[in-house]
């Protein structure tokens, strides 16, 4: 099952290292002058980071895919639909980082991709 961001199809074996690090509830603890704990908690409305990464051994993308992602990123107010692993998210693109694995002159050169998104 491919990962799709808007109309750009990405490899389905991109790693998602921060998939389970998101905390939906934020809890803060402060102490009063008497030493009593003051605990406040609230559910986060948005802002979940989604990082999709390839490595030097898997989930490579072509420079054409990187260019297509850069076009999407250039719109500062756009939101996009991300379909990944059977779920759908509405996201903005925080950054698109790519490192060519080989230094070939054509656009088919493979790149290791790090795509940082934020769920809105």
PDB file of N, CA and C in Angstrom:
ATOM      1  N   UNK A   1       0.854  -1.174   0.000  1.00  0.00           N
ATOM      2  CA  UNK A   1       0.000   0.000   0.000  1.00  0.00           C
ATOM      3  C   UNK A   1       0.901   1.239   0.000  1.00  0.00           C
ATOM      4  N   UNK A   2       0.761   2.051  -0.999  1.00  0.00           N
ATOM      5  CA  UNK A   2       1.602   3.244  -1.141  1.00  0.00           C
ATOM      6  C   UNK A   2       1.214   4.318  -0.137  1.00  0.00           C
ATOM      7  N   UNK A   3       2.160   5.197   0.121  1.00  0.00           N
ATOM      8  CA  UNK A   3       1.892   6.395   0.909  1.00  0.00           C
ATOM      9  C   UNK A   3       1.659   7.513  -0.105  1.00  0.00           C
ATOM     10  N   UNK A   4       0.561   8.237   0.045  1.00  0.00           N
ATOM     11  CA  UNK A   4       0.216   9.280  -0.923  1.00  0.00           C
ATOM     12  C   UNK A   4       0.049  10.604  -0.197  1.00  0.00           C
ATOM     13  N   UNK A   5       0.773  11.609  -0.655  1.00  0.00           N
ATOM     14  CA  UNK A   5       0.635  12.977  -0.162  1.00  0.00           C
ATOM     15  C   UNK A   5       0.083  13.805  -1.301  1.00  0.00           C
ATOM     16  N   UNK A   6      -1.171  14.235  -1.173  1.00  0.00           N
ATOM     17  CA  UNK A   6      -1.878  14.948  -2.233  1.00  0.00           C
ATOM     18  C   UNK A   6      -1.916  14.046  -3.458  1.00  0.00           C
ATOM     19  N   UNK A   7      -1.162  14.354  -4.496  1.00  0.00           N
ATOM     20  CA  UNK A   7      -1.126  13.505  -5.692  1.00  0.00           C
ATOM     21  C   UNK A   7       0.218  12.812  -5.862  1.00  0.00           C
ATOM     22  N   UNK A   8       1.114  12.970  -4.908  1.00  0.00           N
ATOM     23  CA  UNK A   8       2.466  12.419  -5.010  1.00  0.00           C
ATOM     24  C   UNK A   8       2.508  11.061  -4.313  1.00  0.00           C
ATOM     25  N   UNK A   9       2.849  10.033  -5.085  1.00  0.00           N
ATOM     26  CA  UNK A   9       2.948   8.689  -4.521  1.00  0.00           C
ATOM     27  C   UNK A   9       4.364   8.453  -4.017  1.00  0.00           C
ATOM     28  N   UNK A  10       4.445   8.045  -2.764  1.00  0.00           N
ATOM     29  CA  UNK A  10       5.734   7.816  -2.097  1.00  0.00           C
ATOM     30  C   UNK A  10       5.895   6.329  -1.805  1.00  0.00           C
ATOM     31  N   UNK A  11       7.123   5.879  -1.589  1.00  0.00           N
ATOM     32  CA  UNK A  11       7.333   4.457  -1.274  1.00  0.00           C
ATOM     33  C   UNK A  11       6.600   4.055   0.013  1.00  0.00           C
ATOM     34  N   UNK A  12       6.046   2.855   0.008  1.00  0.00           N
ATOM     35  CA  UNK A  12       5.293   2.406   1.182  1.00  0.00           C
ATOM     36  C   UNK A  12       6.195   1.959   2.317  1.00  0.00           C
ATOM     37  N   UNK A  13       7.502   1.861   2.063  1.00  0.00           N
ATOM     38  CA  UNK A  13       8.396   1.435   3.136  1.00  0.00           C
ATOM     39  C   UNK A  13       9.172   2.589   3.763  1.00  0.00           C
ATOM     40  N   UNK A  14       8.662   3.819   3.599  1.00  0.00           N
ATOM     41  CA  UNK A  14       9.252   4.942   4.330  1.00  0.00           C
ATOM     42  C   UNK A  14       9.092   4.688   5.827  1.00  0.00           C
ATOM     43  N   UNK A  15      10.129   4.947   6.577  1.00  0.00           N
ATOM     44  CA  UNK A  15      10.049   4.803   8.033  1.00  0.00           C
ATOM     45  C   UNK A  15       9.262   5.974   8.616  1.00  0.00           C
ATOM     46  N   UNK A  16       8.564   5.726   9.713  1.00  0.00           N
ATOM     47  CA  UNK A  16       7.806   6.756  10.425  1.00  0.00           C
ATOM     48  C   UNK A  16       8.284   6.742  11.872  1.00  0.00           C
ATOM     49  N   UNK A  17       9.465   7.313  12.148  1.00  0.00           N
ATOM     50  CA  UNK A  17      10.086   7.155  13.467  1.00  0.00           C
ATOM     51  C   UNK A  17       9.326   7.795  14.630  1.00  0.00           C
ATOM     52  N   UNK A  18       8.536   8.825  14.371  1.00  0.00           N
ATOM     53  CA  UNK A  18       7.834   9.491  15.473  1.00  0.00           C
ATOM     54  C   UNK A  18       6.352   9.119  15.548  1.00  0.00           C
ATOM     55  N   UNK A  19       5.990   8.002  14.923  1.00  0.00           N
ATOM     56  CA  UNK A  19       4.578   7.603  14.867  1.00  0.00           C
ATOM     57  C   UNK A  19       3.954   7.462  16.261  1.00  0.00           C
ATOM     58  N   UNK A  20       4.695   6.929  17.196  1.00  0.00           N
ATOM     59  CA  UNK A  20       4.131   6.682  18.529  1.00  0.00           C
ATOM     60  C   UNK A  20       4.666   7.619  19.608  1.00  0.00           C
ATOM     61  N   UNK A  21       5.359   8.667  19.222  1.00  0.00           N
ATOM     62  CA  UNK A  21       5.889   9.589  20.226  1.00  0.00           C
ATOM     63  C   UNK A  21       4.945  10.754  20.526  1.00  0.00           C
ATOM     64  N   UNK A  22       3.907  10.934  19.749  1.00  0.00           N
ATOM     65  CA  UNK A  22       2.939  12.015  19.955  1.00  0.00           C
ATOM     66  C   UNK A  22       2.130  11.772  21.217  1.00  0.00           C
ATOM     67  N   UNK A  23       2.020  12.789  22.022  1.00  0.00           N
ATOM     68  CA  UNK A  23       1.204  12.727  23.232  1.00  0.00           C
ATOM     69  C   UNK A  23      -0.027  13.609  23.010  1.00  0.00           C
ATOM     70  N   UNK A  24      -1.196  13.018  22.954  1.00  0.00           N
ATOM     71  CA  UNK A  24      -2.421  13.754  22.645  1.00  0.00           C
ATOM     72  C   UNK A  24      -2.861  14.658  23.792  1.00  0.00           C
ATOM     73  N   UNK A  25      -2.404  14.359  24.992  1.00  0.00           N
ATOM     74  CA  UNK A  25      -2.742  15.170  26.153  1.00  0.00           C
ATOM     75  C   UNK A  25      -1.456  15.758  26.721  1.00  0.00           C
ATOM     76  N   UNK A  26      -1.485  17.048  26.971  1.00  0.00           N
ATOM     77  CA  UNK A  26      -0.324  17.726  27.559  1.00  0.00           C
ATOM     78  C   UNK A  26      -0.593  17.926  29.047  1.00  0.00           C
ATOM     79  N   UNK A  27       0.363  17.546  29.864  1.00  0.00           N
ATOM     80  CA  UNK A  27       0.219  17.659  31.316  1.00  0.00           C
ATOM     81  C   UNK A  27       1.371  18.510  31.849  1.00  0.00           C
ATOM     82  N   UNK A  28       1.015  19.492  32.672  1.00  0.00           N
ATOM     83  CA  UNK A  28       2.058  20.287  33.317  1.00  0.00           C
ATOM     84  C   UNK A  28       1.870  20.203  34.830  1.00  0.00           C
ATOM     85  N   UNK A  29       2.989  20.189  35.523  1.00  0.00           N
ATOM     86  CA  UNK A  29       2.964  20.120  36.980  1.00  0.00           C
ATOM     87  C   UNK A  29       3.775  21.285  37.524  1.00  0.00           C
ATOM     88  N   UNK A  30       3.155  22.050  38.409  1.00  0.00           N
ATOM     89  CA  UNK A  30       3.840  23.132  39.118  1.00  0.00           C
ATOM     90  C   UNK A  30       3.549  22.946  40.603  1.00  0.00           C
ATOM     91  N   UNK A  31       4.353  23.588  41.408  1.00  0.00           N
ATOM     92  CA  UNK A  31       4.153  23.456  42.847  1.00  0.00           C
ATOM     93  C   UNK A  31       3.843  24.821  43.439  1.00  0.00           C
ATOM     94  N   UNK A  32       2.860  24.835  44.320  1.00  0.00           N
ATOM     95  CA  UNK A  32       2.484  26.075  44.997  1.00  0.00           C
ATOM     96  C   UNK A  32       3.498  26.393  46.095  1.00  0.00           C
ATOM     97  N   UNK A  33       3.343  27.538  46.702  1.00  0.00           N
ATOM     98  CA  UNK A  33       4.237  27.918  47.794  1.00  0.00           C
ATOM     99  C   UNK A  33       4.147  26.967  48.981  1.00  0.00           C
ATOM    100  N   UNK A  34       3.023  26.289  49.117  1.00  0.00           N
ATOM    101  CA  UNK A  34       2.871  25.336  50.218  1.00  0.00           C
ATOM    102  C   UNK A  34       3.422  23.953  49.858  1.00  0.00           C
ATOM    103  N   UNK A  35       3.850  23.773  48.606  1.00  0.00           N
ATOM    104  CA  UNK A  35       4.396  22.492  48.177  1.00  0.00           C
ATOM    105  C   UNK A  35       3.375  21.578  47.526  1.00  0.00           C
ATOM    106  N   UNK A  36       2.127  22.020  47.440  1.00  0.00           N
ATOM    107  CA  UNK A  36       1.097  21.201  46.810  1.00  0.00           C
ATOM    108  C   UNK A  36       1.304  21.190  45.295  1.00  0.00           C
ATOM    109  N   UNK A  37       1.053  20.046  44.696  1.00  0.00           N
ATOM    110  CA  UNK A  37       1.172  19.928  43.245  1.00  0.00           C
ATOM    111  C   UNK A  37      -0.057  20.530  42.573  1.00  0.00           C
ATOM    112  N   UNK A  38       0.181  21.370  41.583  1.00  0.00           N
ATOM    113  CA  UNK A  38      -0.893  21.936  40.758  1.00  0.00           C
ATOM    114  C   UNK A  38      -0.735  21.292  39.385  1.00  0.00           C
ATOM    115  N   UNK A  39      -1.663  20.417  39.062  1.00  0.00           N
ATOM    116  CA  UNK A  39      -1.578  19.652  37.819  1.00  0.00           C
ATOM    117  C   UNK A  39      -2.651  20.143  36.862  1.00  0.00           C
ATOM    118  N   UNK A  40      -2.217  20.496  35.660  1.00  0.00           N
ATOM    119  CA  UNK A  40      -3.149  20.921  34.615  1.00  0.00           C
ATOM    120  C   UNK A  40      -2.933  20.026  33.401  1.00  0.00           C
ATOM    121  N   UNK A  41      -4.029  19.659  32.744  1.00  0.00           N
ATOM    122  CA  UNK A  41      -3.911  18.863  31.529  1.00  0.00           C
ATOM    123  C   UNK A  41      -4.937  19.345  30.518  1.00  0.00           C
ATOM    124  N   UNK A  42      -4.572  19.185  29.243  1.00  0.00           N
ATOM    125  CA  UNK A  42      -5.470  19.577  28.158  1.00  0.00           C
ATOM    126  C   UNK A  42      -5.164  18.727  26.935  1.00  0.00           C
ATOM    127  N   UNK A  43      -6.199  18.436  26.183  1.00  0.00           N
ATOM    128  CA  UNK A  43      -6.031  17.687  24.952  1.00  0.00           C
ATOM    129  C   UNK A  43      -5.536  18.621  23.852  1.00  0.00           C
ATOM    130  N   UNK A  44      -4.513  18.196  23.150  1.00  0.00           N
ATOM    131  CA  UNK A  44      -3.988  18.989  22.039  1.00  0.00           C
ATOM    132  C   UNK A  44      -4.956  18.911  20.865  1.00  0.00           C
ATOM    133  N   UNK A  45      -5.187  20.024  20.215  1.00  0.00           N
ATOM    134  CA  UNK A  45      -6.124  20.085  19.100  1.00  0.00           C
ATOM    135  C   UNK A  45      -5.457  19.735  17.767  1.00  0.00           C
ATOM    136  N   UNK A  46      -4.173  20.010  17.621  1.00  0.00           N
ATOM    137  CA  UNK A  46      -3.442  19.758  16.377  1.00  0.00           C
ATOM    138  C   UNK A  46      -1.955  19.845  16.679  1.00  0.00           C
ATOM    139  N   UNK A  47      -1.144  19.663  15.636  1.00  0.00           N
ATOM    140  CA  UNK A  47       0.284  19.853  15.788  1.00  0.00           C
ATOM    141  C   UNK A  47       1.106  18.581  15.865  1.00  0.00           C
ATOM    142  N   UNK A  48       0.474  17.441  15.625  1.00  0.00           N
ATOM    143  CA  UNK A  48       1.219  16.175  15.684  1.00  0.00           C
ATOM    144  C   UNK A  48       2.277  16.158  14.584  1.00  0.00           C
ATOM    145  N   UNK A  49       3.540  15.955  14.934  1.00  0.00           N
ATOM    146  CA  UNK A  49       4.568  15.848  13.899  1.00  0.00           C
ATOM    147  C   UNK A  49       4.514  14.466  13.233  1.00  0.00           C
ATOM    148  N   UNK A  50       4.678  14.457  11.929  1.00  0.00           N
ATOM    149  CA  UNK A  50       4.763  13.211  11.169  1.00  0.00           C
ATOM    150  C   UNK A  50       6.037  13.300  10.341  1.00  0.00           C
ATOM    151  N   UNK A  51       7.001  12.447  10.635  1.00  0.00           N
ATOM    152  CA  UNK A  51       8.256  12.422   9.896  1.00  0.00           C
ATOM    153  C   UNK A  51       8.319  11.117   9.116  1.00  0.00           C
ATOM    154  N   UNK A  52       8.479  11.227   7.807  1.00  0.00           N
ATOM    155  CA  UNK A  52       8.631  10.056   6.955  1.00  0.00           C
ATOM    156  C   UNK A  52      10.041  10.084   6.381  1.00  0.00           C
ATOM    157  N   UNK A  53      10.768   8.967   6.544  1.00  0.00           N
ATOM    158  CA  UNK A  53      12.180   8.947   6.164  1.00  0.00           C
ATOM    159  C   UNK A  53      12.533   7.713   5.362  1.00  0.00           C
ATOM    160  N   UNK A  54      13.409   7.923   4.399  1.00  0.00           N
ATOM    161  CA  UNK A  54      14.044   6.789   3.752  1.00  0.00           C
ATOM    162  C   UNK A  54      15.450   6.668   4.331  1.00  0.00           C
ATOM    163  N   UNK A  55      16.120   5.598   3.978  1.00  0.00           N
ATOM    164  CA  UNK A  55      17.482   5.383   4.445  1.00  0.00           C
ATOM    165  C   UNK A  55      18.363   5.133   3.225  1.00  0.00           C
ATOM    166  N   UNK A  56      19.609   4.887   3.472  1.00  0.00           N
ATOM    167  CA  UNK A  56      20.508   4.583   2.360  1.00  0.00           C
ATOM    168  C   UNK A  56      20.218   3.213   1.755  1.00  0.00           C
ATOM    169  N   UNK A  57      19.365   2.430   2.394  1.00  0.00           N
ATOM    170  CA  UNK A  57      19.091   1.084   1.900  1.00  0.00           C
ATOM    171  C   UNK A  57      17.657   0.851   1.453  1.00  0.00           C
ATOM    172  N   UNK A  58      16.741   1.759   1.766  1.00  0.00           N
ATOM    173  CA  UNK A  58      15.339   1.506   1.378  1.00  0.00           C
ATOM    174  C   UNK A  58      14.575   2.809   1.214  1.00  0.00           C
ATOM    175  N   UNK A  59      13.453   2.695   0.511  1.00  0.00           N
ATOM    176  CA  UNK A  59      12.484   3.788   0.329  1.00  0.00           C
ATOM    177  C   UNK A  59      13.077   5.004  -0.372  1.00  0.00           C
ATOM    178  N   UNK A  60      13.869   4.771  -1.373  1.00  0.00           N
ATOM    179  CA  UNK A  60      14.454   5.870  -2.136  1.00  0.00           C
ATOM    180  C   UNK A  60      13.396   6.513  -3.019  1.00  0.00           C
ATOM    181  N   UNK A  61      13.602   7.776  -3.324  1.00  0.00           N
ATOM    182  CA  UNK A  61      12.725   8.490  -4.247  1.00  0.00           C
ATOM    183  C   UNK A  61      13.584   9.134  -5.337  1.00  0.00           C
ATOM    184  N   UNK A  62      12.960   9.417  -6.475  1.00  0.00           N
ATOM    185  CA  UNK A  62      13.690  10.076  -7.559  1.00  0.00           C
ATOM    186  C   UNK A  62      13.715  11.583  -7.315  1.00  0.00           C
ATOM    187  N   UNK A  63      14.591  12.250  -8.027  1.00  0.00           N
ATOM    188  CA  UNK A  63      14.629  13.714  -7.932  1.00  0.00           C
ATOM    189  C   UNK A  63      13.322  14.328  -8.417  1.00  0.00           C
ATOM    190  N   UNK A  64      12.634  13.650  -9.328  1.00  0.00           N
ATOM    191  CA  UNK A  64      11.335  14.152  -9.799  1.00  0.00           C
ATOM    192  C   UNK A  64      10.318  14.178  -8.658  1.00  0.00           C
ATOM    193  N   UNK A  65      10.337  13.159  -7.814  1.00  0.00           N
ATOM    194  CA  UNK A  65       9.440  13.133  -6.645  1.00  0.00           C
ATOM    195  C   UNK A  65       9.821  14.245  -5.678  1.00  0.00           C
ATOM    196  N   UNK A  66      11.106  14.448  -5.455  1.00  0.00           N
ATOM    197  CA  UNK A  66      11.553  15.533  -4.573  1.00  0.00           C
ATOM    198  C   UNK A  66      11.088  16.877  -5.128  1.00  0.00           C
ATOM    199  N   UNK A  67      11.213  17.073  -6.435  1.00  0.00           N
ATOM    200  CA  UNK A  67      10.779  18.329  -7.057  1.00  0.00           C
ATOM    201  C   UNK A  67       9.273  18.522  -6.895  1.00  0.00           C
ATOM    202  N   UNK A  68       8.497  17.451  -7.041  1.00  0.00           N
ATOM    203  CA  UNK A  68       7.047  17.548  -6.864  1.00  0.00           C
ATOM    204  C   UNK A  68       6.701  17.921  -5.424  1.00  0.00           C
ATOM    205  N   UNK A  69       7.414  17.362  -4.455  1.00  0.00           N
ATOM    206  CA  UNK A  69       7.184  17.708  -3.047  1.00  0.00           C
ATOM    207  C   UNK A  69       7.565  19.158  -2.765  1.00  0.00           C
ATOM    208  N   UNK A  70       8.648  19.628  -3.381  1.00  0.00           N
ATOM    209  CA  UNK A  70       9.070  21.026  -3.210  1.00  0.00           C
ATOM    210  C   UNK A  70       8.022  21.997  -3.762  1.00  0.00           C
ATOM    211  N   UNK A  71       7.355  21.622  -4.842  1.00  0.00           N
ATOM    212  CA  UNK A  71       6.272  22.453  -5.392  1.00  0.00           C
ATOM    213  C   UNK A  71       5.127  22.542  -4.379  1.00  0.00           C
ATOM    214  N   UNK A  72       4.767  21.413  -3.778  1.00  0.00           N
ATOM    215  CA  UNK A  72       3.712  21.429  -2.752  1.00  0.00           C
ATOM    216  C   UNK A  72       4.128  22.287  -1.563  1.00  0.00           C
ATOM    217  N   UNK A  73       5.375  22.167  -1.155  1.00  0.00           N
ATOM    218  CA  UNK A  73       5.873  22.907   0.005  1.00  0.00           C
ATOM    219  C   UNK A  73       5.883  24.409  -0.236  1.00  0.00           C
ATOM    220  N   UNK A  74       5.992  24.833  -1.473  1.00  0.00           N
ATOM    221  CA  UNK A  74       6.107  26.262  -1.803  1.00  0.00           C
ATOM    222  C   UNK A  74       4.837  27.053  -1.499  1.00  0.00           C
ATOM    223  N   UNK A  75       3.708  26.372  -1.312  1.00  0.00           N
ATOM    224  CA  UNK A  75       2.461  27.060  -0.972  1.00  0.00           C
ATOM    225  C   UNK A  75       2.350  27.140   0.548  1.00  0.00           C
ATOM    226  N   UNK A  76       2.536  28.343   1.125  1.00  0.00           N
ATOM    227  CA  UNK A  76       2.613  28.459   2.592  1.00  0.00           C
ATOM    228  C   UNK A  76       1.286  28.254   3.330  1.00  0.00           C
ATOM    229  N   UNK A  77       0.165  28.285   2.635  1.00  0.00           N
ATOM    230  CA  UNK A  77      -1.125  28.153   3.329  1.00  0.00           C
ATOM    231  C   UNK A  77      -1.866  26.868   2.978  1.00  0.00           C
ATOM    232  N   UNK A  78      -1.293  26.043   2.119  1.00  0.00           N
ATOM    233  CA  UNK A  78      -1.983  24.836   1.670  1.00  0.00           C
ATOM    234  C   UNK A  78      -1.943  23.730   2.717  1.00  0.00           C
ATOM    235  N   UNK A  79      -3.024  22.982   2.765  1.00  0.00           N
ATOM    236  CA  UNK A  79      -3.061  21.751   3.543  1.00  0.00           C
ATOM    237  C   UNK A  79      -3.237  20.603   2.553  1.00  0.00           C
ATOM    238  N   UNK A  80      -2.744  19.441   2.927  1.00  0.00           N
ATOM    239  CA  UNK A  80      -2.771  18.298   2.024  1.00  0.00           C
ATOM    240  C   UNK A  80      -3.295  17.069   2.750  1.00  0.00           C
ATOM    241  N   UNK A  81      -3.790  16.137   1.969  1.00  0.00           N
ATOM    242  CA  UNK A  81      -4.230  14.862   2.506  1.00  0.00           C
ATOM    243  C   UNK A  81      -3.086  13.874   2.406  1.00  0.00           C
ATOM    244  N   UNK A  82      -2.773  13.247   3.526  1.00  0.00           N
ATOM    245  CA  UNK A  82      -1.769  12.192   3.579  1.00  0.00           C
ATOM    246  C   UNK A  82      -2.491  10.883   3.838  1.00  0.00           C
ATOM    247  N   UNK A  83      -2.280   9.921   2.958  1.00  0.00           N
ATOM    248  CA  UNK A  83      -2.801   8.569   3.152  1.00  0.00           C
ATOM    249  C   UNK A  83      -1.617   7.668   3.437  1.00  0.00           C
ATOM    250  N   UNK A  84      -1.585   7.122   4.649  1.00  0.00           N
ATOM    251  CA  UNK A  84      -0.456   6.291   5.057  1.00  0.00           C
ATOM    252  C   UNK A  84      -0.930   5.169   5.967  1.00  0.00           C
ATOM    253  N   UNK A  85      -0.568   3.965   5.610  1.00  0.00           N
ATOM    254  CA  UNK A  85      -0.832   2.774   6.433  1.00  0.00           C
ATOM    255  C   UNK A  85      -2.292   2.646   6.848  1.00  0.00           C
ATOM    256  N   UNK A  86      -3.173   2.896   5.882  1.00  0.00           N
ATOM    257  CA  UNK A  86      -4.601   2.709   6.108  1.00  0.00           C
ATOM    258  C   UNK A  86      -5.299   3.847   6.829  1.00  0.00           C
ATOM    259  N   UNK A  87      -4.599   4.936   7.086  1.00  0.00           N
ATOM    260  CA  UNK A  87      -5.197   6.075   7.771  1.00  0.00           C
ATOM    261  C   UNK A  87      -5.030   7.330   6.919  1.00  0.00           C
ATOM    262  N   UNK A  88      -5.890   8.321   7.159  1.00  0.00           N
ATOM    263  CA  UNK A  88      -5.853   9.579   6.411  1.00  0.00           C
ATOM    264  C   UNK A  88      -5.662  10.731   7.385  1.00  0.00           C
ATOM    265  N   UNK A  89      -4.758  11.647   7.027  1.00  0.00           N
ATOM    266  CA  UNK A  89      -4.425  12.800   7.858  1.00  0.00           C
ATOM    267  C   UNK A  89      -4.477  14.061   6.997  1.00  0.00           C
ATOM    268  N   UNK A  90      -4.808  15.187   7.612  1.00  0.00           N
ATOM    269  CA  UNK A  90      -4.683  16.495   6.969  1.00  0.00           C
ATOM    270  C   UNK A  90      -3.430  17.135   7.530  1.00  0.00           C
ATOM    271  N   UNK A  91      -2.518  17.522   6.620  1.00  0.00           N
ATOM    272  CA  UNK A  91      -1.200  17.975   7.053  1.00  0.00           C
ATOM    273  C   UNK A  91      -0.753  19.224   6.308  1.00  0.00           C
ATOM    274  N   UNK A  92       0.236  19.891   6.887  1.00  0.00           N
ATOM    275  CA  UNK A  92       1.005  20.920   6.192  1.00  0.00           C
ATOM    276  C   UNK A  92       2.437  20.384   6.101  1.00  0.00           C
ATOM    277  N   UNK A  93       3.166  20.887   5.112  1.00  0.00           N
ATOM    278  CA  UNK A  93       4.538  20.437   4.925  1.00  0.00           C
ATOM    279  C   UNK A  93       5.471  21.383   5.662  1.00  0.00           C
ATOM    280  N   UNK A  94       6.212  20.852   6.603  1.00  0.00           N
ATOM    281  CA  UNK A  94       7.187  21.644   7.351  1.00  0.00           C
ATOM    282  C   UNK A  94       8.512  21.710   6.595  1.00  0.00           C
ATOM    283  N   UNK A  95       8.994  20.572   6.108  1.00  0.00           N
ATOM    284  CA  UNK A  95      10.229  20.588   5.328  1.00  0.00           C
ATOM    285  C   UNK A  95      10.332  19.352   4.445  1.00  0.00           C
ATOM    286  N   UNK A  96      11.053  19.522   3.348  1.00  0.00           N
ATOM    287  CA  UNK A  96      11.382  18.440   2.423  1.00  0.00           C
ATOM    288  C   UNK A  96      12.900  18.446   2.296  1.00  0.00           C
ATOM    289  N   UNK A  97      13.536  17.398   2.784  1.00  0.00           N
ATOM    290  CA  UNK A  97      14.994  17.298   2.725  1.00  0.00           C
ATOM    291  C   UNK A  97      15.348  16.030   1.959  1.00  0.00           C
ATOM    292  N   UNK A  98      16.263  16.177   0.996  1.00  0.00           N
ATOM    293  CA  UNK A  98      16.666  15.022   0.201  1.00  0.00           C
ATOM    294  C   UNK A  98      18.169  15.055  -0.022  1.00  0.00           C
ATOM    295  N   UNK A  99      18.758  13.882   0.045  1.00  0.00           N
ATOM    296  CA  UNK A  99      20.194  13.754  -0.182  1.00  0.00           C
ATOM    297  C   UNK A  99      20.409  12.739  -1.300  1.00  0.00           C
ATOM    298  N   UNK A 100      20.974  13.170  -2.428  1.00  0.00           N
ATOM    299  CA  UNK A 100      21.237  12.220  -3.514  1.00  0.00           C
ATOM    300  C   UNK A 100      22.172  11.107  -3.054  1.00  0.00           C
ATOM    301  N   UNK A 101      21.833   9.881  -3.437  1.00  0.00           N
ATOM    302  CA  UNK A 101      22.664   8.746  -3.063  1.00  0.00           C
ATOM    303  C   UNK A 101      23.822   8.558  -4.037  1.00  0.00           C
ATOM    304  N   UNK A 102      23.590   8.969  -5.254  1.00  0.00           N
ATOM    305  CA  UNK A 102      24.607   8.905  -6.297  1.00  0.00           C
ATOM    306  C   UNK A 102      24.595  10.266  -6.969  1.00  0.00           C
ATOM    307  N   UNK A 103      25.674  10.668  -7.572  1.00  0.00           N
ATOM    308  CA  UNK A 103      25.718  11.984  -8.200  1.00  0.00           C
ATOM    309  C   UNK A 103      25.594  11.845  -9.711  1.00  0.00           C
ATOM    310  N   UNK A 104      24.407  11.441 -10.145  1.00  0.00           N
ATOM    311  CA  UNK A 104      24.136  11.309 -11.573  1.00  0.00           C
ATOM    312  C   UNK A 104      23.564  12.612 -12.096  1.00  0.00           C
ATOM    313  N   UNK A 105      23.641  12.813 -13.366  1.00  0.00           N
ATOM    314  CA  UNK A 105      23.219  14.102 -13.930  1.00  0.00           C
ATOM    315  C   UNK A 105      21.745  14.159 -14.286  1.00  0.00           C
ATOM    316  N   UNK A 106      21.047  13.021 -14.297  1.00  0.00           N
ATOM    317  CA  UNK A 106      19.640  13.078 -14.706  1.00  0.00           C
ATOM    318  C   UNK A 106      18.711  13.084 -13.492  1.00  0.00           C
ATOM    319  N   UNK A 107      17.435  13.358 -13.756  1.00  0.00           N
ATOM    320  CA  UNK A 107      16.457  13.485 -12.682  1.00  0.00           C
ATOM    321  C   UNK A 107      16.001  12.141 -12.110  1.00  0.00           C
ATOM    322  N   UNK A 108      16.500  11.043 -12.645  1.00  0.00           N
ATOM    323  CA  UNK A 108      16.121   9.746 -12.095  1.00  0.00           C
ATOM    324  C   UNK A 108      17.015   9.332 -10.932  1.00  0.00           C
ATOM    325  N   UNK A 109      17.994  10.161 -10.639  1.00  0.00           N
ATOM    326  CA  UNK A 109      18.914   9.870  -9.531  1.00  0.00           C
ATOM    327  C   UNK A 109      18.125   9.633  -8.245  1.00  0.00           C
ATOM    328  N   UNK A 110      18.480   8.597  -7.519  1.00  0.00           N
ATOM    329  CA  UNK A 110      17.778   8.264  -6.283  1.00  0.00           C
ATOM    330  C   UNK A 110      18.256   9.123  -5.129  1.00  0.00           C
ATOM    331  N   UNK A 111      17.306   9.466  -4.254  1.00  0.00           N
ATOM    332  CA  UNK A 111      17.603  10.305  -3.092  1.00  0.00           C
ATOM    333  C   UNK A 111      17.040   9.655  -1.837  1.00  0.00           C
ATOM    334  N   UNK A 112      17.717   9.895  -0.728  1.00  0.00           N
ATOM    335  CA  UNK A 112      17.180   9.552   0.589  1.00  0.00           C
ATOM    336  C   UNK A 112      16.353  10.757   1.029  1.00  0.00           C
ATOM    337  N   UNK A 113      15.115  10.523   1.409  1.00  0.00           N
ATOM    338  CA  UNK A 113      14.156  11.586   1.698  1.00  0.00           C
ATOM    339  C   UNK A 113      13.846  11.666   3.180  1.00  0.00           C
ATOM    340  N   UNK A 114      13.753  12.885   3.700  1.00  0.00           N
ATOM    341  CA  UNK A 114      13.165  13.137   5.013  1.00  0.00           C
ATOM    342  C   UNK A 114      12.063  14.167   4.795  1.00  0.00           C
ATOM    343  N   UNK A 115      10.836  13.748   5.045  1.00  0.00           N
ATOM    344  CA  UNK A 115       9.668  14.599   4.846  1.00  0.00           C
ATOM    345  C   UNK A 115       9.041  14.867   6.199  1.00  0.00           C
ATOM    346  N   UNK A 116       9.028  16.142   6.603  1.00  0.00           N
ATOM    347  CA  UNK A 116       8.461  16.511   7.893  1.00  0.00           C
ATOM    348  C   UNK A 116       7.131  17.216   7.673  1.00  0.00           C
ATOM    349  N   UNK A 117       6.102  16.634   8.283  1.00  0.00           N
ATOM    350  CA  UNK A 117       4.740  17.147   8.156  1.00  0.00           C
ATOM    351  C   UNK A 117       4.203  17.477   9.551  1.00  0.00           C
ATOM    352  N   UNK A 118       3.147  18.292   9.578  1.00  0.00           N
ATOM    353  CA  UNK A 118       2.466  18.590  10.830  1.00  0.00           C
ATOM    354  C   UNK A 118       0.972  18.383  10.598  1.00  0.00           C
ATOM    355  N   UNK A 119       0.353  17.565  11.419  1.00  0.00           N
ATOM    356  CA  UNK A 119      -1.077  17.323  11.301  1.00  0.00           C
ATOM    357  C   UNK A 119      -1.846  18.543  11.807  1.00  0.00           C
ATOM    358  N   UNK A 120      -2.847  18.955  11.043  1.00  0.00           N
ATOM    359  CA  UNK A 120      -3.656  20.119  11.428  1.00  0.00           C
ATOM    360  C   UNK A 120      -5.105  19.722  11.627  1.00  0.00           C
TER     361      UNK A 120
END
